[in-house]
Amino acid sequence: MSSGVWTLALQSVVLIASAWGVTRLLRRQSAAVRHHVWTLCLGLLLVLPFWPEASVVVTEIPVAAEVTRIVVRPDEMVRAQVDWMWWVWMFGVVLLAGRELASQLRGEWLRRRATKTVDGYALSPDLAVPAVCGLWRPTVLLPEEAMEWEAGRVAAVLAHERMHVLRGDLWWQLLGRVSCAVYWMNPLVWVAAQAQRVECEQACDDGVVLAGVAATDYAEHLVAIARGLNNEPILEGGLSMAKQSTLEQRLRALLDPLTSHRPLSRGMLVASFVLSLVMLAPVAGLKLIAQTDSGVLRGVVRDASGAKVAGAKVAVQFQNPGSEGRVELTRTDAAGEFRFPELPYGFYFVRVEKEGFAMDAYPWRRLEGVKDKNEPLVFTLSVGGSRETVNVSGTMASPTRIRIGGNVQAAKLVNRVAPLYPVDCKKEGVSGIVLLSVVISKDGDVLSLEPVNQLVDSRLRDAAVSAVKLWRYQPTLLNGNPVEVTTQIEVNFTLLP
């Protein structure tokens, strides 16, 4: 989880920096255009976690020997340690989501509490600055002091707030706050949301000027409204018209003769959308680039004398949430080395087996998101006791039966259909191990069958599945009664020289 968090952090920094560059190029355009760019940026931030992963193509997994056997499924695996950073991040998200919900309820309460007038707005005793509240039913709220304002100021204020309603700014600002909640640990996301809010207010200022209000007169109204505020107004669940912290920037943009005040036209909408995607969307590729050469689990197997061990079976058991039960298999090559490409970051149980040697294992091996941290694993096999296996080539042999123990009579295979080696795989030199999880019914039929490993050629997997699903067993007996049992079947496809 921490690897994914750091990846998203990097993406968000590059994305926001790119958005800042776009808005700098458009600094002489209207605020509506720059607001559109910042909104696209914040929206893309929410898309990044769901961007498709890079696909993994495995052409060959070296195999030096072939074993076919049936094993009883082990007890349920212990879950991996949960990354503490995930819980910290989730705590912040839940906290900010609750705050946003409370804010929306506060805005709705202000809207309902206000006294409506015949002019299409409402007077609120709880506000010191004009605002618009209500996502579904946006309402313009004015402070009670607005009854003493001159008619020109009231008209300018209403024009500004109604621009928010026409533009749907309450929803766009909600998008920005959701992005802040998801990326709350990144301060640049808060800066981007603030920039979006400033451009939003300036875009509505431009709309007032285009409606016929002189820029100098409107600037005086803004200053008069802000002067009456003793401190920064805080409105939850709505958009406040004036804030002292952004007043100077708004006035400068409002009175600058070189700055455009035009609304966002269709042509400018398309142009800004294309320009933003050209500069912002490729940032999502950082996820694929960052993961292309990382997430590789590799190692070497030696014996007690230091000699390389070829043909040792290496099993990687997944411990990540949502992937429990998945196992990937391979065998060491002639140099005693093995490699699992593009495994998801997280925790794994790695074990190595070779006939004549005792098993060696790495419990809870953590695969990091940085390639340099994934040092090769080194396994040293000591001489161990022998065990019964059946080695075959080209065709599948009868599996070795392992006794379960206790007052249990293990299932016995009575009808086996031999898997066929796909012809095209033989021509291409493709080999591999297919691990299947099989449930045997009380009648001895294969009740269900699911492939366990994924890093194996699909043609080999299909051939194994097609054959094993036709197998039939003598039912497993527990205290004399037939019971369902779960087993794993290993089907090895090996090409002989």
Protein backbone atom coordinates (compact mmCIF):
# COMPACT_ATOMS: atom_id res chain seq x y z
CA MET A 1 0.00 0.00 0.00
CA SER A 2 2.81 2.42 0.81
CA SER A 3 4.23 1.93 -2.69
CA GLY A 4 0.90 2.89 -4.22
CA VAL A 5 0.63 5.93 -1.97
CA TRP A 6 4.05 7.20 -3.02
CA THR A 7 3.25 6.55 -6.67
CA LEU A 8 0.05 8.59 -6.44
CA ALA A 9 1.92 11.31 -4.56
CA LEU A 10 4.44 11.59 -7.40
CA GLN A 11 1.70 11.62 -10.01
CA SER A 12 -0.26 14.32 -8.21
CA VAL A 13 2.81 16.56 -7.90
CA VAL A 14 3.60 16.28 -11.62
CA LEU A 15 -0.06 16.72 -12.55
CA ILE A 16 -0.48 19.87 -10.47
CA ALA A 17 2.81 21.30 -11.74
CA SER A 18 1.61 20.69 -15.31
CA ALA A 19 -1.72 22.39 -14.57
CA TRP A 20 0.14 25.37 -13.15
CA GLY A 21 2.16 25.55 -16.38
CA VAL A 22 -1.01 25.48 -18.48
CA THR A 23 -2.63 28.26 -16.47
CA ARG A 24 0.53 30.34 -16.79
CA LEU A 25 0.32 30.00 -20.57
CA LEU A 26 -3.32 31.12 -20.34
CA ARG A 27 -2.76 33.96 -17.85
CA ARG A 28 -4.10 36.53 -20.33
CA GLN A 29 -7.17 34.48 -21.06
CA SER A 30 -10.34 34.74 -19.03
CA ALA A 31 -10.58 33.28 -15.53
CA ALA A 32 -13.24 30.86 -16.81
CA VAL A 33 -10.60 29.14 -18.97
CA ARG A 34 -8.13 28.80 -16.10
CA HIS A 35 -10.90 27.56 -13.80
CA HIS A 36 -11.66 24.91 -16.39
CA VAL A 37 -8.01 23.78 -16.41
CA TRP A 38 -7.82 23.53 -12.62
CA THR A 39 -11.10 21.61 -12.54
CA LEU A 40 -9.73 19.17 -15.11
CA CYS A 41 -6.60 18.75 -13.00
CA LEU A 42 -8.58 17.97 -9.84
CA GLY A 43 -10.81 15.59 -11.76
CA LEU A 44 -7.82 13.73 -13.21
CA LEU A 45 -6.43 13.34 -9.71
CA LEU A 46 -9.51 11.31 -8.83
CA VAL A 47 -9.10 9.19 -11.98
CA LEU A 48 -5.43 8.30 -11.38
CA PRO A 49 -6.04 5.54 -8.78
CA PHE A 50 -8.28 3.74 -11.28
CA TRP A 51 -5.95 4.05 -14.28
CA PRO A 52 -5.41 0.60 -15.89
CA GLU A 53 -2.33 -1.30 -14.85
CA ALA A 54 0.35 -2.38 -17.28
CA SER A 55 -0.20 -5.86 -18.63
CA VAL A 56 2.37 -8.60 -18.00
CA VAL A 57 3.37 -11.01 -20.74
CA VAL A 58 5.26 -14.15 -19.76
CA THR A 59 6.58 -16.23 -22.65
CA GLU A 60 8.40 -18.97 -20.79
CA ILE A 61 9.04 -20.29 -17.28
CA PRO A 62 12.04 -22.63 -17.21
CA VAL A 63 11.31 -26.18 -16.02
CA ALA A 64 13.85 -28.93 -15.57
CA ALA A 65 11.70 -31.75 -14.16
CA GLU A 66 8.10 -32.82 -14.08
CA VAL A 67 6.08 -33.98 -11.08
CA THR A 68 2.39 -34.76 -10.87
CA ARG A 69 0.82 -35.13 -7.47
CA ILE A 70 -2.25 -34.31 -5.41
CA VAL A 71 -1.88 -32.51 -2.12
CA VAL A 72 -4.39 -31.64 0.56
CA ARG A 73 -5.05 -27.88 0.83
CA PRO A 74 -3.26 -26.44 3.90
CA ASP A 75 -4.94 -24.49 6.63
CA GLU A 76 -6.03 -20.94 5.84
CA MET A 77 -3.04 -18.65 5.47
CA VAL A 78 -2.28 -15.98 8.04
CA ARG A 79 -3.08 -12.54 6.72
CA ALA A 80 -0.17 -10.21 6.09
CA GLN A 81 0.55 -7.29 8.29
CA VAL A 82 -1.59 -4.36 7.18
CA ASP A 83 0.38 -1.33 6.11
CA TRP A 84 -0.01 1.39 8.75
CA MET A 85 0.13 4.13 6.14
CA TRP A 86 -3.07 2.83 4.59
CA TRP A 87 -4.90 3.26 7.91
CA VAL A 88 -3.51 6.76 8.41
CA TRP A 89 -4.60 7.77 4.93
CA MET A 90 -8.05 6.22 5.36
CA PHE A 91 -8.50 7.98 8.69
CA GLY A 92 -7.87 11.33 7.00
CA VAL A 93 -10.23 10.54 4.13
CA VAL A 94 -13.05 9.52 6.46
CA LEU A 95 -12.48 12.58 8.64
CA LEU A 96 -12.61 15.01 5.70
CA ALA A 97 -15.57 13.19 4.15
CA GLY A 98 -17.45 13.59 7.43
CA ARG A 99 -16.50 17.25 7.54
CA GLU A 100 -17.78 17.76 3.99
CA LEU A 101 -21.07 16.06 4.84
CA ALA A 102 -21.44 18.31 7.87
CA SER A 103 -20.65 21.32 5.67
CA GLN A 104 -23.37 20.43 3.19
CA LEU A 105 -25.86 19.97 6.00
CA ARG A 106 -24.80 23.35 7.40
CA GLY A 107 -25.36 24.99 4.02
CA GLU A 108 -28.80 23.42 3.71
CA TRP A 109 -29.62 24.63 7.22
CA LEU A 110 -28.62 28.18 6.27
CA ARG A 111 -30.73 28.00 3.12
CA ARG A 112 -33.81 26.82 4.97
CA ARG A 113 -33.32 29.32 7.81
CA ALA A 114 -33.04 32.32 5.47
CA THR A 115 -36.05 34.57 4.74
CA LYS A 116 -36.93 34.57 1.05
CA THR A 117 -37.83 37.77 -0.79
CA VAL A 118 -39.78 38.47 -3.93
CA ASP A 119 -36.59 39.36 -5.82
CA GLY A 120 -35.36 35.75 -5.96
CA TYR A 121 -32.88 35.84 -3.10
CA ALA A 122 -33.03 35.28 0.66
CA LEU A 123 -31.84 37.24 3.70
CA SER A 124 -29.76 35.29 6.24
CA PRO A 125 -29.15 36.44 9.82
CA ASP A 126 -26.13 34.10 10.02
CA LEU A 127 -24.01 35.52 7.19
CA ALA A 128 -21.84 38.61 6.91
CA VAL A 129 -21.12 38.22 3.20
CA PRO A 130 -23.24 37.26 0.14
CA ALA A 131 -23.17 33.56 -0.71
CA VAL A 132 -24.95 30.79 -2.58
CA CYS A 133 -25.93 27.58 -0.78
CA GLY A 134 -27.60 24.27 -1.67
CA LEU A 135 -26.29 21.68 -4.13
CA TRP A 136 -29.69 20.56 -5.40
CA ARG A 137 -31.57 23.83 -4.88
CA PRO A 138 -28.97 26.61 -5.00
CA THR A 139 -30.20 29.78 -3.34
CA VAL A 140 -28.59 33.22 -3.22
CA LEU A 141 -28.23 34.40 0.39
CA LEU A 142 -27.55 38.01 1.36
CA PRO A 143 -26.77 39.31 4.85
CA GLU A 144 -29.52 41.29 6.56
CA GLU A 145 -27.41 44.44 6.13
CA ALA A 146 -28.09 44.16 2.39
CA MET A 147 -31.43 45.87 3.02
CA GLU A 148 -29.42 49.09 3.54
CA TRP A 149 -27.29 48.71 0.41
CA GLU A 150 -27.80 50.88 -2.63
CA ALA A 151 -29.64 49.35 -5.56
CA GLY A 152 -26.50 49.16 -7.75
CA ARG A 153 -24.60 47.10 -5.17
CA VAL A 154 -27.50 44.69 -4.71
CA ALA A 155 -27.78 44.23 -8.47
CA ALA A 156 -24.02 43.57 -8.82
CA VAL A 157 -24.00 41.09 -5.95
CA LEU A 158 -27.00 39.20 -7.31
CA ALA A 159 -25.40 39.06 -10.76
CA HIS A 160 -22.23 37.57 -9.23
CA GLU A 161 -24.01 34.94 -7.17
CA ARG A 162 -26.33 33.96 -10.00
CA MET A 163 -23.28 33.37 -12.17
CA HIS A 164 -22.25 30.71 -9.66
CA VAL A 165 -25.62 29.02 -10.10
CA LEU A 166 -25.48 29.16 -13.91
CA ARG A 167 -21.94 27.75 -14.01
CA GLY A 168 -22.68 24.95 -11.53
CA ASP A 169 -19.79 26.10 -9.34
CA LEU A 170 -21.08 24.42 -6.21
CA TRP A 171 -20.51 21.04 -7.88
CA TRP A 172 -17.07 21.98 -9.24
CA GLN A 173 -15.99 23.17 -5.80
CA LEU A 174 -17.26 19.90 -4.33
CA LEU A 175 -15.03 18.08 -6.83
CA GLY A 176 -12.06 20.06 -5.54
CA ARG A 177 -12.85 19.24 -1.91
CA VAL A 178 -13.21 15.54 -2.72
CA SER A 179 -9.75 15.64 -4.33
CA CYS A 180 -8.40 17.29 -1.18
CA ALA A 181 -9.94 14.53 0.91
CA VAL A 182 -8.38 11.77 -1.18
CA TYR A 183 -4.96 13.46 -1.40
CA TRP A 184 -5.08 15.16 1.98
CA MET A 185 -1.43 14.36 2.71
CA ASN A 186 -0.26 16.29 -0.37
CA PRO A 187 -0.25 20.06 0.33
CA LEU A 188 -0.08 20.86 -3.40
CA VAL A 189 -3.59 19.47 -3.88
CA TRP A 190 -4.88 22.01 -1.35
CA VAL A 191 -3.03 24.72 -3.28
CA ALA A 192 -4.67 23.54 -6.52
CA ALA A 193 -8.13 23.60 -4.93
CA GLN A 194 -7.50 27.13 -3.64
CA ALA A 195 -6.44 28.23 -7.14
CA GLN A 196 -9.65 26.73 -8.51
CA ARG A 197 -11.73 28.71 -6.00
CA VAL A 198 -9.95 31.98 -6.86
CA GLU A 199 -10.46 31.48 -10.60
CA CYS A 200 -14.08 30.59 -9.90
CA GLU A 201 -14.70 33.94 -8.17
CA GLN A 202 -12.85 35.85 -10.89
CA ALA A 203 -14.90 34.12 -13.59
CA CYS A 204 -18.08 35.32 -11.87
CA ASP A 205 -16.57 38.82 -11.58
CA ASP A 206 -16.02 38.75 -15.34
CA GLY A 207 -19.66 37.76 -15.81
CA VAL A 208 -20.79 40.79 -13.82
CA VAL A 209 -18.66 43.11 -15.95
CA LEU A 210 -19.98 41.57 -19.15
CA ALA A 211 -23.53 42.08 -17.83
CA GLY A 212 -22.96 45.85 -18.01
CA VAL A 213 -21.60 46.81 -14.59
CA ALA A 214 -18.54 49.05 -14.85
CA ALA A 215 -15.37 47.36 -13.60
CA THR A 216 -14.47 50.33 -11.37
CA ASP A 217 -17.93 50.43 -9.79
CA TYR A 218 -17.91 46.70 -9.20
CA ALA A 219 -14.45 46.93 -7.64
CA GLU A 220 -15.76 49.52 -5.20
CA HIS A 221 -18.61 47.23 -4.21
CA LEU A 222 -16.16 44.36 -3.54
CA VAL A 223 -13.96 46.58 -1.39
CA ALA A 224 -16.96 47.87 0.57
CA ILE A 225 -18.22 44.36 1.26
CA ALA A 226 -14.79 43.06 2.29
CA ARG A 227 -14.09 46.12 4.48
CA GLY A 228 -17.02 45.21 6.70
CA LEU A 229 -15.48 41.83 7.55
CA ASN A 230 -13.48 41.74 10.77
CA ASN A 231 -11.89 38.43 9.85
CA GLU A 232 -11.95 35.81 7.15
CA PRO A 233 -15.53 34.61 6.55
CA ILE A 234 -15.99 30.88 6.86
CA LEU A 235 -19.01 29.45 5.11
CA GLU A 236 -19.57 25.72 5.15
CA GLY A 237 -21.61 24.20 2.37
CA GLY A 238 -21.61 27.20 0.03
CA LEU A 239 -19.59 29.83 -1.85
CA SER A 240 -18.81 33.16 -0.20
CA MET A 241 -18.54 36.20 -2.46
CA ALA A 242 -15.72 38.15 -0.79
CA LYS A 243 -12.60 37.11 1.11
CA GLN A 244 -9.94 39.51 2.25
CA SER A 245 -7.10 37.12 1.38
CA THR A 246 -7.98 37.03 -2.34
CA LEU A 247 -9.41 40.52 -2.77
CA GLU A 248 -6.22 42.12 -4.09
CA GLN A 249 -5.73 39.45 -6.74
CA ARG A 250 -9.34 39.76 -7.89
CA LEU A 251 -9.17 43.53 -8.11
CA ARG A 252 -5.95 43.39 -10.11
CA ALA A 253 -7.47 40.95 -12.61
CA LEU A 254 -10.70 42.94 -12.76
CA LEU A 255 -9.00 46.26 -13.60
CA ASP A 256 -6.25 44.90 -15.87
CA PRO A 257 -7.07 46.06 -19.42
CA LEU A 258 -4.94 43.28 -20.97
CA THR A 259 -6.84 40.46 -19.30
CA SER A 260 -9.78 38.93 -21.14
CA HIS A 261 -13.16 38.83 -19.40
CA ARG A 262 -14.93 36.76 -22.03
CA PRO A 263 -16.86 33.67 -20.93
CA LEU A 264 -15.74 30.18 -21.84
CA SER A 265 -16.78 29.76 -25.46
CA ARG A 266 -17.23 26.41 -27.13
CA GLY A 267 -14.02 26.79 -29.11
CA MET A 268 -12.03 27.81 -26.05
CA LEU A 269 -13.61 24.95 -24.09
CA VAL A 270 -12.40 22.41 -26.67
CA ALA A 271 -8.97 24.07 -26.98
CA SER A 272 -8.37 24.19 -23.24
CA PHE A 273 -9.63 20.62 -22.85
CA VAL A 274 -7.25 19.33 -25.54
CA LEU A 275 -4.32 21.37 -24.23
CA SER A 276 -4.94 20.17 -20.70
CA LEU A 277 -5.11 16.54 -21.73
CA VAL A 278 -1.97 16.83 -23.84
CA MET A 279 -0.04 18.18 -20.86
CA LEU A 280 -1.83 16.47 -17.98
CA ALA A 281 -3.10 13.05 -19.05
CA PRO A 282 0.35 11.54 -19.87
CA VAL A 283 1.16 11.90 -16.17
CA ALA A 284 -0.96 8.79 -15.62
CA GLY A 285 1.68 6.88 -17.55
CA LEU A 286 4.04 7.41 -14.63
CA LYS A 287 2.24 4.54 -12.92
CA LEU A 288 3.08 2.19 -15.76
CA ILE A 289 6.63 3.46 -16.19
CA ALA A 290 7.26 3.23 -12.47
CA GLN A 291 6.05 -0.36 -12.39
CA THR A 292 7.53 -1.69 -15.64
CA ASP A 293 10.91 -2.71 -14.19
CA SER A 294 9.89 -3.08 -10.57
CA GLY A 295 7.93 -5.61 -8.61
CA VAL A 296 10.28 -8.39 -9.75
CA LEU A 297 10.94 -11.20 -7.29
CA ARG A 298 14.12 -13.05 -8.13
CA GLY A 299 16.72 -15.20 -6.45
CA VAL A 300 19.17 -18.07 -6.61
CA VAL A 301 19.17 -21.56 -5.10
CA ARG A 302 22.38 -23.26 -3.90
CA ASP A 303 23.18 -26.41 -2.02
CA ALA A 304 25.26 -26.64 1.15
CA SER A 305 28.49 -26.68 -0.86
CA GLY A 306 27.60 -23.48 -2.68
CA ALA A 307 26.85 -25.16 -6.02
CA LYS A 308 23.86 -23.90 -8.01
CA VAL A 309 20.76 -26.10 -7.91
CA ALA A 310 18.89 -26.41 -11.21
CA GLY A 311 15.30 -27.61 -11.49
CA ALA A 312 14.28 -26.64 -7.96
CA LYS A 313 10.62 -25.73 -7.66
CA VAL A 314 9.96 -22.22 -6.33
CA ALA A 315 6.47 -21.34 -5.07
CA VAL A 316 5.32 -17.81 -4.23
CA GLN A 317 2.24 -17.71 -2.01
CA PHE A 318 0.34 -14.40 -2.04
CA GLN A 319 -0.44 -12.73 1.29
CA ASN A 320 -1.99 -9.51 -0.05
CA PRO A 321 -5.63 -8.73 0.87
CA GLY A 322 -7.89 -9.96 -1.90
CA SER A 323 -5.27 -12.36 -3.32
CA GLU A 324 -5.17 -14.97 -0.56
CA GLY A 325 -4.85 -18.45 -1.97
CA ARG A 326 -3.05 -17.45 -5.17
CA VAL A 327 0.21 -19.27 -5.81
CA GLU A 328 2.72 -18.80 -8.63
CA LEU A 329 5.22 -21.52 -9.53
CA THR A 330 8.45 -21.74 -11.48
CA ARG A 331 11.69 -23.71 -11.50
CA THR A 332 15.30 -22.63 -11.33
CA ASP A 333 17.27 -22.56 -14.57
CA ALA A 334 20.63 -24.15 -15.28
CA ALA A 335 22.33 -21.38 -13.27
CA GLY A 336 20.10 -22.05 -10.26
CA GLU A 337 18.27 -18.73 -10.71
CA PHE A 338 14.55 -17.95 -10.78
CA ARG A 339 12.48 -14.87 -11.51
CA PHE A 340 8.82 -13.81 -11.05
CA PRO A 341 8.14 -10.71 -13.18
CA GLU A 342 5.72 -7.91 -12.27
CA LEU A 343 4.27 -9.20 -9.02
CA PRO A 344 1.99 -6.77 -7.12
CA TYR A 345 3.76 -5.08 -4.26
CA GLY A 346 3.09 -6.58 -0.86
CA PHE A 347 3.88 -9.66 1.24
CA TYR A 348 4.67 -13.18 0.03
CA PHE A 349 5.61 -16.57 1.42
CA VAL A 350 8.38 -18.03 -0.74
CA ARG A 351 9.41 -21.69 -0.52
CA VAL A 352 11.87 -23.84 -2.49
CA GLU A 353 11.64 -27.61 -2.92
CA LYS A 354 13.93 -30.11 -4.59
CA GLU A 355 13.89 -33.88 -4.34
CA GLY A 356 16.59 -35.10 -2.00
CA PHE A 357 16.76 -31.76 -0.17
CA ALA A 358 14.89 -30.31 2.76
CA MET A 359 12.50 -27.47 1.95
CA ASP A 360 13.71 -23.89 2.50
CA ALA A 361 11.40 -20.89 2.85
CA TYR A 362 11.26 -17.12 3.31
CA PRO A 363 8.20 -16.29 5.45
CA TRP A 364 6.49 -12.96 4.75
CA ARG A 365 8.89 -11.61 2.15
CA ARG A 366 7.97 -7.99 1.37
CA LEU A 367 8.12 -6.83 -2.25
CA GLU A 368 8.74 -3.09 -2.39
CA GLY A 369 7.76 -0.62 -5.10
CA VAL A 370 11.39 0.41 -5.67
CA LYS A 371 13.39 -2.05 -7.71
CA ASP A 372 16.70 -1.43 -5.93
CA LYS A 373 15.13 -2.53 -2.63
CA ASN A 374 14.17 -5.94 -4.00
CA GLU A 375 17.43 -7.75 -3.39
CA PRO A 376 17.71 -11.27 -4.83
CA LEU A 377 16.70 -14.02 -2.43
CA VAL A 378 19.31 -16.64 -1.67
CA PHE A 379 18.20 -20.13 -0.72
CA THR A 380 20.55 -22.80 0.61
CA LEU A 381 19.15 -26.31 0.48
CA SER A 382 20.38 -28.91 2.91
CA VAL A 383 20.20 -32.63 2.25
CA GLY A 384 16.89 -34.05 3.41
CA GLY A 385 14.85 -37.22 3.31
CA SER A 386 13.41 -38.58 0.11
CA ARG A 387 9.74 -38.69 -0.76
CA GLU A 388 7.59 -40.50 -3.26
CA THR A 389 6.99 -38.74 -6.58
CA VAL A 390 6.38 -39.78 -10.17
CA ASN A 391 8.49 -38.20 -12.93
CA VAL A 392 7.08 -38.36 -16.44
CA SER A 393 7.71 -36.64 -19.76
CA GLY A 394 5.29 -35.60 -22.46
CA THR A 395 2.18 -37.13 -20.87
CA MET A 396 0.67 -36.99 -17.40
CA ALA A 397 1.23 -39.90 -15.03
CA SER A 398 -1.06 -41.09 -12.27
CA PRO A 399 -0.73 -38.72 -9.33
CA THR A 400 0.84 -39.81 -6.09
CA ARG A 401 -1.71 -40.29 -3.32
CA ILE A 402 -0.88 -38.63 0.02
CA ARG A 403 -2.57 -40.03 3.07
CA ILE A 404 -4.43 -37.38 5.09
CA GLY A 405 -4.12 -39.17 8.43
CA GLY A 406 -6.44 -39.75 11.37
CA ASN A 407 -9.70 -41.58 10.81
CA VAL A 408 -9.81 -40.39 7.20
CA GLN A 409 -9.67 -42.44 4.03
CA ALA A 410 -8.09 -40.20 1.37
CA ALA A 411 -9.62 -39.81 -2.05
CA LYS A 412 -8.24 -42.09 -4.75
CA LEU A 413 -8.14 -41.25 -8.44
CA VAL A 414 -10.02 -43.96 -10.37
CA ASN A 415 -10.50 -42.34 -13.76
CA ARG A 416 -7.85 -40.03 -15.22
CA VAL A 417 -7.87 -38.20 -18.54
CA ALA A 418 -4.31 -37.33 -19.53
CA PRO A 419 -3.77 -33.66 -20.44
CA LEU A 420 -2.57 -33.10 -24.00
CA TYR A 421 0.45 -30.90 -24.64
CA PRO A 422 -0.75 -28.12 -27.02
CA VAL A 423 0.95 -28.52 -30.38
CA ASP A 424 1.61 -24.81 -30.84
CA CYS A 425 3.23 -24.66 -27.38
CA LYS A 426 5.58 -27.48 -28.38
CA LYS A 427 6.55 -25.60 -31.53
CA GLU A 428 7.17 -22.39 -29.60
CA GLY A 429 9.07 -24.14 -26.80
CA VAL A 430 6.58 -23.05 -24.12
CA SER A 431 6.57 -24.99 -20.85
CA GLY A 432 5.29 -24.32 -17.36
CA ILE A 433 3.50 -25.47 -14.24
CA VAL A 434 -0.27 -25.25 -13.87
CA LEU A 435 -1.61 -25.31 -10.31
CA LEU A 436 -5.31 -26.10 -9.95
CA SER A 437 -7.54 -25.91 -6.88
CA VAL A 438 -10.10 -28.71 -7.10
CA VAL A 439 -13.11 -29.54 -4.94
CA ILE A 440 -14.05 -33.24 -5.03
CA SER A 441 -17.70 -33.94 -4.27
CA LYS A 442 -19.10 -36.64 -2.03
CA ASP A 443 -19.69 -38.72 -5.17
CA GLY A 444 -16.08 -38.40 -6.32
CA ASP A 445 -16.75 -35.97 -9.16
CA VAL A 446 -14.82 -32.76 -9.72
CA LEU A 447 -17.29 -30.31 -8.24
CA SER A 448 -15.37 -27.12 -9.03
CA LEU A 449 -11.99 -26.29 -10.51
CA GLU A 450 -10.10 -23.01 -10.43
CA PRO A 451 -6.59 -22.17 -11.70
CA VAL A 452 -4.44 -20.87 -8.84
CA ASN A 453 -1.44 -19.36 -10.61
CA GLN A 454 -1.64 -16.77 -13.39
CA LEU A 455 1.94 -16.36 -14.62
CA VAL A 456 1.66 -19.36 -16.95
CA ASP A 457 0.72 -19.64 -20.62
CA SER A 458 -3.08 -19.70 -20.99
CA ARG A 459 -2.90 -22.54 -23.51
CA LEU A 460 -1.22 -24.80 -20.97
CA ARG A 461 -3.76 -23.76 -18.35
CA ASP A 462 -6.68 -24.52 -20.68
CA ALA A 463 -5.26 -27.94 -21.54
CA ALA A 464 -4.86 -28.83 -17.86
CA VAL A 465 -8.35 -27.63 -16.96
CA SER A 466 -9.99 -29.50 -19.84
CA ALA A 467 -8.45 -32.79 -18.72
CA VAL A 468 -8.70 -32.55 -14.94
CA LYS A 469 -12.38 -31.59 -14.91
CA LEU A 470 -13.11 -35.07 -16.37
CA TRP A 471 -11.27 -36.92 -13.59
CA ARG A 472 -13.21 -39.07 -11.17
CA TYR A 473 -12.25 -40.11 -7.64
CA GLN A 474 -13.23 -42.64 -5.07
CA PRO A 475 -14.89 -40.36 -2.45
CA THR A 476 -13.00 -39.29 0.63
CA LEU A 477 -14.39 -40.93 3.78
CA LEU A 478 -14.42 -39.35 7.20
CA ASN A 479 -15.45 -41.80 9.90
CA GLY A 480 -16.94 -43.93 7.14
CA ASN A 481 -19.02 -41.10 5.58
CA PRO A 482 -18.21 -39.44 2.24
CA VAL A 483 -17.22 -35.76 2.50
CA GLU A 484 -16.18 -33.03 0.11
CA VAL A 485 -12.46 -32.30 0.03
CA THR A 486 -10.33 -29.56 -1.48
CA THR A 487 -7.06 -30.54 -3.15
CA GLN A 488 -4.45 -28.93 -5.33
CA ILE A 489 -3.28 -30.58 -8.53
CA GLU A 490 0.04 -29.70 -10.08
CA VAL A 491 0.26 -30.27 -13.85
CA ASN A 492 3.78 -29.87 -15.23
CA PHE A 493 4.33 -29.34 -18.94
CA THR A 494 7.97 -30.10 -19.77
CA LEU A 495 9.68 -30.27 -23.16
CA LEU A 496 12.42 -32.84 -23.46
CA PRO A 497 15.46 -32.06 -25.60
